[in-house]
ModelCIF file with pLDDT and N, C-alpha, C, O atoms, coordinates in Angstrom:
data_MODEL
#
_entry.id   MODEL 
#
_entity.id                         1 
_entity.type                       polymer 
_entity.pdbx_number_of_molecules   1 
#
_entity_poly.entity_id                      1 
_entity_poly.type                           'polypeptide(L)' 
_entity_poly.nstd_linkage                   no 
_entity_poly.nstd_monomer                   no 
_entity_poly.pdbx_seq_one_letter_code       KLMPLIEELLKELEIKIQDIDVIAVSEGPGSYTGLRIGAAIAKS 
_entity_poly.pdbx_seq_one_letter_code_can   KLMPLIEELLKELEIKIQDIDVIAVSEGPGSYTGLRIGAAIAKS 
_entity_poly.pdbx_strand_id                 A 
#
loop_
_entity_poly_seq.entity_id 
_entity_poly_seq.num 
_entity_poly_seq.mon_id 
_entity_poly_seq.hetero 
1 1  LYS n 
1 2  LEU n 
1 3  MET n 
1 4  PRO n 
1 5  LEU n 
1 6  ILE n 
1 7  GLU n 
1 8  GLU n 
1 9  LEU n 
1 10 LEU n 
1 11 LYS n 
1 12 GLU n 
1 13 LEU n 
1 14 GLU n 
1 15 ILE n 
1 16 LYS n 
1 17 ILE n 
1 18 GLN n 
1 19 ASP n 
1 20 ILE n 
1 21 ASP n 
1 22 VAL n 
1 23 ILE n 
1 24 ALA n 
1 25 VAL n 
1 26 SER n 
1 27 GLU n 
1 28 GLY n 
1 29 PRO n 
1 30 GLY n 
1 31 SER n 
1 32 TYR n 
1 33 THR n 
1 34 GLY n 
1 35 LEU n 
1 36 ARG n 
1 37 ILE n 
1 38 GLY n 
1 39 ALA n 
1 40 ALA n 
1 41 ILE n 
1 42 ALA n 
1 43 LYS n 
1 44 SER n 
#
_struct_asym.id          A 
_struct_asym.entity_id   1 
#
loop_
_ma_qa_metric.id 
_ma_qa_metric.mode 
_ma_qa_metric.name 
_ma_qa_metric.software_group_id 
_ma_qa_metric.type 
1 global pLDDT . pLDDT 
2 local  pLDDT . pLDDT 
#
_ma_qa_metric_global.metric_id      1 
_ma_qa_metric_global.metric_value   96.00 
_ma_qa_metric_global.model_id       1 
_ma_qa_metric_global.ordinal_id     1 
#
loop_
_ma_qa_metric_local.label_asym_id 
_ma_qa_metric_local.label_comp_id 
_ma_qa_metric_local.label_seq_id 
_ma_qa_metric_local.metric_id 
_ma_qa_metric_local.metric_value 
_ma_qa_metric_local.model_id 
_ma_qa_metric_local.ordinal_id 
A LYS 1  2 91.00 1 1  
A LEU 2  2 94.00 1 2  
A MET 3  2 95.00 1 3  
A PRO 4  2 95.00 1 4  
A LEU 5  2 95.00 1 5  
A ILE 6  2 97.00 1 6  
A GLU 7  2 97.00 1 7  
A GLU 8  2 97.00 1 8  
A LEU 9  2 98.00 1 9  
A LEU 10 2 98.00 1 10 
A LYS 11 2 98.00 1 11 
A GLU 12 2 98.00 1 12 
A LEU 13 2 98.00 1 13 
A GLU 14 2 98.00 1 14 
A ILE 15 2 96.00 1 15 
A LYS 16 2 94.00 1 16 
A ILE 17 2 93.00 1 17 
A GLN 18 2 93.00 1 18 
A ASP 19 2 97.00 1 19 
A ILE 20 2 98.00 1 20 
A ASP 21 2 98.00 1 21 
A VAL 22 2 98.00 1 22 
A ILE 23 2 98.00 1 23 
A ALA 24 2 98.00 1 24 
A VAL 25 2 98.00 1 25 
A SER 26 2 97.00 1 26 
A GLU 27 2 96.00 1 27 
A GLY 28 2 96.00 1 28 
A PRO 29 2 96.00 1 29 
A GLY 30 2 94.00 1 30 
A SER 31 2 92.00 1 31 
A TYR 32 2 92.00 1 32 
A THR 33 2 92.00 1 33 
A GLY 34 2 94.00 1 34 
A LEU 35 2 96.00 1 35 
A ARG 36 2 95.00 1 36 
A ILE 37 2 96.00 1 37 
A GLY 38 2 96.00 1 38 
A ALA 39 2 97.00 1 39 
A ALA 40 2 97.00 1 40 
A ILE 41 2 97.00 1 41 
A ALA 42 2 98.00 1 42 
A LYS 43 2 97.00 1 43 
A SER 44 2 96.00 1 44 
#
loop_
_atom_site.group_PDB 
_atom_site.id 
_atom_site.type_symbol 
_atom_site.label_atom_id 
_atom_site.label_alt_id 
_atom_site.label_comp_id 
_atom_site.label_asym_id 
_atom_site.label_entity_id 
_atom_site.label_seq_id 
_atom_site.pdbx_PDB_ins_code 
_atom_site.Cartn_x 
_atom_site.Cartn_y 
_atom_site.Cartn_z 
_atom_site.occupancy 
_atom_site.B_iso_or_equiv 
_atom_site.pdbx_formal_charge 
_atom_site.auth_seq_id 
_atom_site.auth_comp_id 
_atom_site.auth_asym_id 
_atom_site.auth_atom_id 
_atom_site.pdbx_PDB_model_num 
ATOM 1   N N  . LYS A 1 1  ? 0.907  -1.101 0.303  1.00 91.00 ? 1  LYS A N  1 
ATOM 2   C CA . LYS A 1 1  ? 0.048  -0.115 0.065  1.00 91.00 ? 1  LYS A CA 1 
ATOM 3   C C  . LYS A 1 1  ? 1.038  1.414  -0.064 1.00 91.00 ? 1  LYS A C  1 
ATOM 4   O O  . LYS A 1 1  ? 0.861  2.398  -0.783 1.00 91.00 ? 1  LYS A O  1 
ATOM 5   N N  . LEU A 1 2  ? 1.783  1.205  0.641  1.00 94.00 ? 2  LEU A N  1 
ATOM 6   C CA . LEU A 1 2  ? 2.799  2.383  0.886  1.00 94.00 ? 2  LEU A CA 1 
ATOM 7   C C  . LEU A 1 2  ? 3.202  3.385  -0.644 1.00 94.00 ? 2  LEU A C  1 
ATOM 8   O O  . LEU A 1 2  ? 2.982  4.597  -0.647 1.00 94.00 ? 2  LEU A O  1 
ATOM 9   N N  . MET A 1 3  ? 3.736  2.744  -1.734 1.00 95.00 ? 3  MET A N  1 
ATOM 10  C CA . MET A 1 3  ? 4.217  3.092  -2.741 1.00 95.00 ? 3  MET A CA 1 
ATOM 11  C C  . MET A 1 3  ? 2.845  3.461  -3.775 1.00 95.00 ? 3  MET A C  1 
ATOM 12  O O  . MET A 1 3  ? 2.918  4.535  -4.371 1.00 95.00 ? 3  MET A O  1 
ATOM 13  N N  . PRO A 1 4  ? 1.623  2.614  -3.996 1.00 95.00 ? 4  PRO A N  1 
ATOM 14  C CA . PRO A 1 4  ? 0.701  3.430  -4.394 1.00 95.00 ? 4  PRO A CA 1 
ATOM 15  C C  . PRO A 1 4  ? 0.184  4.484  -3.820 1.00 95.00 ? 4  PRO A C  1 
ATOM 16  O O  . PRO A 1 4  ? -0.298 5.363  -4.534 1.00 95.00 ? 4  PRO A O  1 
ATOM 17  N N  . LEU A 1 5  ? 0.181  4.626  -2.201 1.00 95.00 ? 5  LEU A N  1 
ATOM 18  C CA . LEU A 1 5  ? -0.410 5.685  -1.990 1.00 95.00 ? 5  LEU A CA 1 
ATOM 19  C C  . LEU A 1 5  ? 0.556  6.998  -2.171 1.00 95.00 ? 5  LEU A C  1 
ATOM 20  O O  . LEU A 1 5  ? 0.017  8.088  -2.365 1.00 95.00 ? 5  LEU A O  1 
ATOM 21  N N  . ILE A 1 6  ? 1.931  6.898  -2.111 1.00 97.00 ? 6  ILE A N  1 
ATOM 22  C CA . ILE A 1 6  ? 2.699  8.247  -2.437 1.00 97.00 ? 6  ILE A CA 1 
ATOM 23  C C  . ILE A 1 6  ? 2.511  8.666  -4.201 1.00 97.00 ? 6  ILE A C  1 
ATOM 24  O O  . ILE A 1 6  ? 2.531  9.816  -4.641 1.00 97.00 ? 6  ILE A O  1 
ATOM 25  N N  . GLU A 1 7  ? 2.341  7.465  -4.978 1.00 97.00 ? 7  GLU A N  1 
ATOM 26  C CA . GLU A 1 7  ? 2.184  7.760  -6.570 1.00 97.00 ? 7  GLU A CA 1 
ATOM 27  C C  . GLU A 1 7  ? 0.816  8.354  -6.385 1.00 97.00 ? 7  GLU A C  1 
ATOM 28  O O  . GLU A 1 7  ? 0.730  9.328  -7.134 1.00 97.00 ? 7  GLU A O  1 
ATOM 29  N N  . GLU A 1 8  ? -0.400 8.154  -5.631 1.00 97.00 ? 8  GLU A N  1 
ATOM 30  C CA . GLU A 1 8  ? -1.499 8.551  -5.911 1.00 97.00 ? 8  GLU A CA 1 
ATOM 31  C C  . GLU A 1 8  ? -1.568 10.120 -5.185 1.00 97.00 ? 8  GLU A C  1 
ATOM 32  O O  . GLU A 1 8  ? -2.224 11.021 -5.707 1.00 97.00 ? 8  GLU A O  1 
ATOM 33  N N  . LEU A 1 9  ? -0.874 10.289 -4.037 1.00 98.00 ? 9  LEU A N  1 
ATOM 34  C CA . LEU A 1 9  ? -0.833 11.854 -3.437 1.00 98.00 ? 9  LEU A CA 1 
ATOM 35  C C  . LEU A 1 9  ? -0.103 12.656 -4.488 1.00 98.00 ? 9  LEU A C  1 
ATOM 36  O O  . LEU A 1 9  ? -0.593 13.750 -4.766 1.00 98.00 ? 9  LEU A O  1 
ATOM 37  N N  . LEU A 1 10 ? 1.451  12.117 -5.371 1.00 98.00 ? 10 LEU A N  1 
ATOM 38  C CA . LEU A 1 10 ? 1.973  13.037 -6.138 1.00 98.00 ? 10 LEU A CA 1 
ATOM 39  C C  . LEU A 1 10 ? 0.767  13.445 -7.122 1.00 98.00 ? 10 LEU A C  1 
ATOM 40  O O  . LEU A 1 10 ? 0.313  14.589 -7.103 1.00 98.00 ? 10 LEU A O  1 
ATOM 41  N N  . LYS A 1 11 ? 0.240  12.381 -8.041 1.00 98.00 ? 11 LYS A N  1 
ATOM 42  C CA . LYS A 1 11 ? -0.621 12.823 -9.089 1.00 98.00 ? 11 LYS A CA 1 
ATOM 43  C C  . LYS A 1 11 ? -1.895 13.849 -8.690 1.00 98.00 ? 11 LYS A C  1 
ATOM 44  O O  . LYS A 1 11 ? -2.435 14.653 -9.449 1.00 98.00 ? 11 LYS A O  1 
ATOM 45  N N  . GLU A 1 12 ? -2.212 13.593 -7.302 1.00 98.00 ? 12 GLU A N  1 
ATOM 46  C CA . GLU A 1 12 ? -3.537 14.278 -7.076 1.00 98.00 ? 12 GLU A CA 1 
ATOM 47  C C  . GLU A 1 12 ? -3.057 15.686 -6.947 1.00 98.00 ? 12 GLU A C  1 
ATOM 48  O O  . GLU A 1 12 ? -3.887 16.484 -7.382 1.00 98.00 ? 12 GLU A O  1 
ATOM 49  N N  . LEU A 1 13 ? -1.924 16.250 -6.462 1.00 98.00 ? 13 LEU A N  1 
ATOM 50  C CA . LEU A 1 13 ? -0.940 17.471 -5.781 1.00 98.00 ? 13 LEU A CA 1 
ATOM 51  C C  . LEU A 1 13 ? -0.552 18.060 -7.417 1.00 98.00 ? 13 LEU A C  1 
ATOM 52  O O  . LEU A 1 13 ? -0.158 19.195 -7.681 1.00 98.00 ? 13 LEU A O  1 
ATOM 53  N N  . GLU A 1 14 ? -0.797 16.913 -8.410 1.00 98.00 ? 14 GLU A N  1 
ATOM 54  C CA . GLU A 1 14 ? 0.231  17.317 -9.715 1.00 98.00 ? 14 GLU A CA 1 
ATOM 55  C C  . GLU A 1 14 ? 1.736  17.946 -9.303 1.00 98.00 ? 14 GLU A C  1 
ATOM 56  O O  . GLU A 1 14 ? 2.324  19.020 -9.427 1.00 98.00 ? 14 GLU A O  1 
ATOM 57  N N  . ILE A 1 15 ? 1.947  16.868 -8.846 1.00 96.00 ? 15 ILE A N  1 
ATOM 58  C CA . ILE A 1 15 ? 3.766  17.014 -8.497 1.00 96.00 ? 15 ILE A CA 1 
ATOM 59  C C  . ILE A 1 15 ? 4.476  15.899 -8.958 1.00 96.00 ? 15 ILE A C  1 
ATOM 60  O O  . ILE A 1 15 ? 4.019  14.762 -8.844 1.00 96.00 ? 15 ILE A O  1 
ATOM 61  N N  . LYS A 1 16 ? 5.752  16.183 -9.560 1.00 94.00 ? 16 LYS A N  1 
ATOM 62  C CA . LYS A 1 16 ? 6.754  15.039 -9.787 1.00 94.00 ? 16 LYS A CA 1 
ATOM 63  C C  . LYS A 1 16 ? 7.613  14.919 -9.040 1.00 94.00 ? 16 LYS A C  1 
ATOM 64  O O  . LYS A 1 16 ? 7.959  15.926 -8.423 1.00 94.00 ? 16 LYS A O  1 
ATOM 65  N N  . ILE A 1 17 ? 8.375  13.510 -8.767 1.00 93.00 ? 17 ILE A N  1 
ATOM 66  C CA . ILE A 1 17 ? 9.227  13.255 -8.075 1.00 93.00 ? 17 ILE A CA 1 
ATOM 67  C C  . ILE A 1 17 ? 10.461 14.548 -8.236 1.00 93.00 ? 17 ILE A C  1 
ATOM 68  O O  . ILE A 1 17 ? 11.084 15.070 -7.311 1.00 93.00 ? 17 ILE A O  1 
ATOM 69  N N  . GLN A 1 18 ? 10.561 14.826 -9.593 1.00 93.00 ? 18 GLN A N  1 
ATOM 70  C CA . GLN A 1 18 ? 11.339 15.953 -9.726 1.00 93.00 ? 18 GLN A CA 1 
ATOM 71  C C  . GLN A 1 18 ? 11.175 17.304 -8.927 1.00 93.00 ? 18 GLN A C  1 
ATOM 72  O O  . GLN A 1 18 ? 12.158 17.981 -8.626 1.00 93.00 ? 18 GLN A O  1 
ATOM 73  N N  . ASP A 1 19 ? 9.756  17.698 -8.567 1.00 97.00 ? 19 ASP A N  1 
ATOM 74  C CA . ASP A 1 19 ? 9.899  18.608 -7.986 1.00 97.00 ? 19 ASP A CA 1 
ATOM 75  C C  . ASP A 1 19 ? 9.800  18.704 -6.253 1.00 97.00 ? 19 ASP A C  1 
ATOM 76  O O  . ASP A 1 19 ? 9.369  19.554 -5.474 1.00 97.00 ? 19 ASP A O  1 
ATOM 77  N N  . ILE A 1 20 ? 10.479 17.271 -6.095 1.00 98.00 ? 20 ILE A N  1 
ATOM 78  C CA . ILE A 1 20 ? 10.327 17.230 -4.690 1.00 98.00 ? 20 ILE A CA 1 
ATOM 79  C C  . ILE A 1 20 ? 11.990 17.562 -4.205 1.00 98.00 ? 20 ILE A C  1 
ATOM 80  O O  . ILE A 1 20 ? 12.885 17.139 -4.938 1.00 98.00 ? 20 ILE A O  1 
ATOM 81  N N  . ASP A 1 21 ? 12.336 18.312 -2.979 1.00 98.00 ? 21 ASP A N  1 
ATOM 82  C CA . ASP A 1 21 ? 13.820 18.635 -2.903 1.00 98.00 ? 21 ASP A CA 1 
ATOM 83  C C  . ASP A 1 21 ? 14.256 18.153 -1.698 1.00 98.00 ? 21 ASP A C  1 
ATOM 84  O O  . ASP A 1 21 ? 15.421 18.391 -1.381 1.00 98.00 ? 21 ASP A O  1 
ATOM 85  N N  . VAL A 1 22 ? 13.441 17.421 -0.846 1.00 98.00 ? 22 VAL A N  1 
ATOM 86  C CA . VAL A 1 22 ? 14.078 16.637 0.396  1.00 98.00 ? 22 VAL A CA 1 
ATOM 87  C C  . VAL A 1 22 ? 12.889 15.350 0.814  1.00 98.00 ? 22 VAL A C  1 
ATOM 88  O O  . VAL A 1 22 ? 11.666 15.458 0.907  1.00 98.00 ? 22 VAL A O  1 
ATOM 89  N N  . ILE A 1 23 ? 13.763 14.138 1.016  1.00 98.00 ? 23 ILE A N  1 
ATOM 90  C CA . ILE A 1 23 ? 12.889 12.908 1.311  1.00 98.00 ? 23 ILE A CA 1 
ATOM 91  C C  . ILE A 1 23 ? 12.792 12.965 2.600  1.00 98.00 ? 23 ILE A C  1 
ATOM 92  O O  . ILE A 1 23 ? 13.927 13.261 2.973  1.00 98.00 ? 23 ILE A O  1 
ATOM 93  N N  . ALA A 1 24 ? 11.803 12.810 3.938  1.00 98.00 ? 24 ALA A N  1 
ATOM 94  C CA . ALA A 1 24 ? 11.676 12.945 5.494  1.00 98.00 ? 24 ALA A CA 1 
ATOM 95  C C  . ALA A 1 24 ? 11.029 11.482 5.486  1.00 98.00 ? 24 ALA A C  1 
ATOM 96  O O  . ALA A 1 24 ? 9.929  11.189 5.018  1.00 98.00 ? 24 ALA A O  1 
ATOM 97  N N  . VAL A 1 25 ? 11.944 10.630 6.101  1.00 98.00 ? 25 VAL A N  1 
ATOM 98  C CA . VAL A 1 25 ? 11.554 9.458  6.189  1.00 98.00 ? 25 VAL A CA 1 
ATOM 99  C C  . VAL A 1 25 ? 11.751 8.956  8.057  1.00 98.00 ? 25 VAL A C  1 
ATOM 100 O O  . VAL A 1 25 ? 12.739 9.215  8.743  1.00 98.00 ? 25 VAL A O  1 
ATOM 101 N N  . SER A 1 26 ? 10.750 8.353  8.425  1.00 97.00 ? 26 SER A N  1 
ATOM 102 C CA . SER A 1 26 ? 10.842 7.767  9.996  1.00 97.00 ? 26 SER A CA 1 
ATOM 103 C C  . SER A 1 26 ? 12.303 6.521  10.121 1.00 97.00 ? 26 SER A C  1 
ATOM 104 O O  . SER A 1 26 ? 12.278 5.402  9.609  1.00 97.00 ? 26 SER A O  1 
ATOM 105 N N  . GLU A 1 27 ? 13.225 6.979  10.756 1.00 96.00 ? 27 GLU A N  1 
ATOM 106 C CA . GLU A 1 27 ? 14.272 5.940  10.705 1.00 96.00 ? 27 GLU A CA 1 
ATOM 107 C C  . GLU A 1 27 ? 13.914 4.951  11.714 1.00 96.00 ? 27 GLU A C  1 
ATOM 108 O O  . GLU A 1 27 ? 14.440 3.858  11.507 1.00 96.00 ? 27 GLU A O  1 
ATOM 109 N N  . GLY A 1 28 ? 13.138 5.022  12.792 1.00 96.00 ? 28 GLY A N  1 
ATOM 110 C CA . GLY A 1 28 ? 13.073 3.817  13.603 1.00 96.00 ? 28 GLY A CA 1 
ATOM 111 C C  . GLY A 1 28 ? 13.518 4.494  15.072 1.00 96.00 ? 28 GLY A C  1 
ATOM 112 O O  . GLY A 1 28 ? 14.224 5.496  15.190 1.00 96.00 ? 28 GLY A O  1 
ATOM 113 N N  . PRO A 1 29 ? 12.812 3.543  16.395 1.00 96.00 ? 29 PRO A N  1 
ATOM 114 C CA . PRO A 1 29 ? 12.491 2.097  15.539 1.00 96.00 ? 29 PRO A CA 1 
ATOM 115 C C  . PRO A 1 29 ? 11.450 1.553  15.421 1.00 96.00 ? 29 PRO A C  1 
ATOM 116 O O  . PRO A 1 29 ? 10.624 2.448  15.593 1.00 96.00 ? 29 PRO A O  1 
ATOM 117 N N  . GLY A 1 30 ? 11.016 0.781  15.263 1.00 94.00 ? 30 GLY A N  1 
ATOM 118 C CA . GLY A 1 30 ? 9.508  0.471  14.930 1.00 94.00 ? 30 GLY A CA 1 
ATOM 119 C C  . GLY A 1 30 ? 9.285  -0.994 14.701 1.00 94.00 ? 30 GLY A C  1 
ATOM 120 O O  . GLY A 1 30 ? 9.731  -1.959 15.322 1.00 94.00 ? 30 GLY A O  1 
ATOM 121 N N  . SER A 1 31 ? 8.541  -0.938 13.728 1.00 92.00 ? 31 SER A N  1 
ATOM 122 C CA . SER A 1 31 ? 8.117  -2.759 12.802 1.00 92.00 ? 31 SER A CA 1 
ATOM 123 C C  . SER A 1 31 ? 9.220  -2.778 12.091 1.00 92.00 ? 31 SER A C  1 
ATOM 124 O O  . SER A 1 31 ? 9.711  -1.822 11.492 1.00 92.00 ? 31 SER A O  1 
ATOM 125 N N  . TYR A 1 32 ? 9.667  -3.992 12.156 1.00 92.00 ? 32 TYR A N  1 
ATOM 126 C CA . TYR A 1 32 ? 11.461 -4.180 11.136 1.00 92.00 ? 32 TYR A CA 1 
ATOM 127 C C  . TYR A 1 32 ? 10.878 -4.375 10.076 1.00 92.00 ? 32 TYR A C  1 
ATOM 128 O O  . TYR A 1 32 ? 11.697 -4.225 9.169  1.00 92.00 ? 32 TYR A O  1 
ATOM 129 N N  . THR A 1 33 ? 9.789  -4.660 9.647  1.00 92.00 ? 33 THR A N  1 
ATOM 130 C CA . THR A 1 33 ? 9.278  -4.943 8.279  1.00 92.00 ? 33 THR A CA 1 
ATOM 131 C C  . THR A 1 33 ? 9.071  -3.710 7.764  1.00 92.00 ? 33 THR A C  1 
ATOM 132 O O  . THR A 1 33 ? 9.552  -3.318 6.701  1.00 92.00 ? 33 THR A O  1 
ATOM 133 N N  . GLY A 1 34 ? 8.339  -3.060 8.515  1.00 94.00 ? 34 GLY A N  1 
ATOM 134 C CA . GLY A 1 34 ? 7.750  -1.510 7.948  1.00 94.00 ? 34 GLY A CA 1 
ATOM 135 C C  . GLY A 1 34 ? 9.131  -0.850 7.702  1.00 94.00 ? 34 GLY A C  1 
ATOM 136 O O  . GLY A 1 34 ? 9.483  -0.546 6.563  1.00 94.00 ? 34 GLY A O  1 
ATOM 137 N N  . LEU A 1 35 ? 9.653  -0.705 8.438  1.00 96.00 ? 35 LEU A N  1 
ATOM 138 C CA . LEU A 1 35 ? 11.086 0.436  8.522  1.00 96.00 ? 35 LEU A CA 1 
ATOM 139 C C  . LEU A 1 35 ? 11.697 0.057  7.181  1.00 96.00 ? 35 LEU A C  1 
ATOM 140 O O  . LEU A 1 35 ? 11.933 0.795  6.224  1.00 96.00 ? 35 LEU A O  1 
ATOM 141 N N  . ARG A 1 36 ? 11.923 -1.387 7.326  1.00 95.00 ? 36 ARG A N  1 
ATOM 142 C CA . ARG A 1 36 ? 13.072 -1.681 6.032  1.00 95.00 ? 36 ARG A CA 1 
ATOM 143 C C  . ARG A 1 36 ? 11.808 -1.355 4.475  1.00 95.00 ? 36 ARG A C  1 
ATOM 144 O O  . ARG A 1 36 ? 12.308 -0.589 3.650  1.00 95.00 ? 36 ARG A O  1 
ATOM 145 N N  . ILE A 1 37 ? 11.012 -1.633 4.272  1.00 96.00 ? 37 ILE A N  1 
ATOM 146 C CA . ILE A 1 37 ? 9.979  -0.871 3.108  1.00 96.00 ? 37 ILE A CA 1 
ATOM 147 C C  . ILE A 1 37 ? 10.030 0.364  3.282  1.00 96.00 ? 37 ILE A C  1 
ATOM 148 O O  . ILE A 1 37 ? 10.284 0.888  2.198  1.00 96.00 ? 37 ILE A O  1 
ATOM 149 N N  . GLY A 1 38 ? 9.867  1.470  4.469  1.00 96.00 ? 38 GLY A N  1 
ATOM 150 C CA . GLY A 1 38 ? 9.724  2.623  3.784  1.00 96.00 ? 38 GLY A CA 1 
ATOM 151 C C  . GLY A 1 38 ? 11.302 3.245  3.690  1.00 96.00 ? 38 GLY A C  1 
ATOM 152 O O  . GLY A 1 38 ? 11.476 4.327  3.130  1.00 96.00 ? 38 GLY A O  1 
ATOM 153 N N  . ALA A 1 39 ? 12.197 2.652  4.150  1.00 97.00 ? 39 ALA A N  1 
ATOM 154 C CA . ALA A 1 39 ? 13.713 2.736  3.828  1.00 97.00 ? 39 ALA A CA 1 
ATOM 155 C C  . ALA A 1 39 ? 14.134 2.375  2.488  1.00 97.00 ? 39 ALA A C  1 
ATOM 156 O O  . ALA A 1 39 ? 14.956 3.036  1.854  1.00 97.00 ? 39 ALA A O  1 
ATOM 157 N N  . ALA A 1 40 ? 13.585 1.355  2.068  1.00 97.00 ? 40 ALA A N  1 
ATOM 158 C CA . ALA A 1 40 ? 13.641 0.589  0.655  1.00 97.00 ? 40 ALA A CA 1 
ATOM 159 C C  . ALA A 1 40 ? 12.996 1.859  -0.482 1.00 97.00 ? 40 ALA A C  1 
ATOM 160 O O  . ALA A 1 40 ? 13.728 2.292  -1.372 1.00 97.00 ? 40 ALA A O  1 
ATOM 161 N N  . ILE A 1 41 ? 11.919 2.238  -0.353 1.00 97.00 ? 41 ILE A N  1 
ATOM 162 C CA . ILE A 1 41 ? 10.959 3.519  -0.840 1.00 97.00 ? 41 ILE A CA 1 
ATOM 163 C C  . ILE A 1 41 ? 12.061 4.554  -0.893 1.00 97.00 ? 41 ILE A C  1 
ATOM 164 O O  . ILE A 1 41 ? 12.711 4.895  -1.881 1.00 97.00 ? 41 ILE A O  1 
ATOM 165 N N  . ALA A 1 42 ? 12.139 4.930  0.177  1.00 98.00 ? 42 ALA A N  1 
ATOM 166 C CA . ALA A 1 42 ? 12.535 6.652  0.365  1.00 98.00 ? 42 ALA A CA 1 
ATOM 167 C C  . ALA A 1 42 ? 14.149 6.393  -0.412 1.00 98.00 ? 42 ALA A C  1 
ATOM 168 O O  . ALA A 1 42 ? 14.384 7.205  -1.307 1.00 98.00 ? 42 ALA A O  1 
ATOM 169 N N  . LYS A 1 43 ? 15.086 5.504  -0.182 1.00 97.00 ? 43 LYS A N  1 
ATOM 170 C CA . LYS A 1 43 ? 16.390 5.434  -0.609 1.00 97.00 ? 43 LYS A CA 1 
ATOM 171 C C  . LYS A 1 43 ? 15.985 5.573  -2.295 1.00 97.00 ? 43 LYS A C  1 
ATOM 172 O O  . LYS A 1 43 ? 16.541 6.482  -2.910 1.00 97.00 ? 43 LYS A O  1 
ATOM 173 N N  . SER A 1 44 ? 15.139 4.784  -2.945 1.00 96.00 ? 44 SER A N  1 
ATOM 174 C CA . SER A 1 44 ? 14.972 4.559  -4.318 1.00 96.00 ? 44 SER A CA 1 
ATOM 175 C C  . SER A 1 44 ? 14.326 5.715  -4.669 1.00 96.00 ? 44 SER A C  1 
ATOM 176 O O  . SER A 1 44 ? 13.994 5.906  -5.839 1.00 96.00 ? 44 SER A O  1 
#
C-alpha cells in the first residue's frame, strides 16, 4: 500500500518526484518490516 499511496498523492497534487527537494523518513525504531520497506522506498 505505501508506494501506491505515494504515487496517488503526487498525482492528486500534480507534483512529480523531480519537484521534490527533500525526502523525510522515519528511521526507527518500530516494525522491522515496516522500517525496511519505508527505507527501501525512500532510498529508491
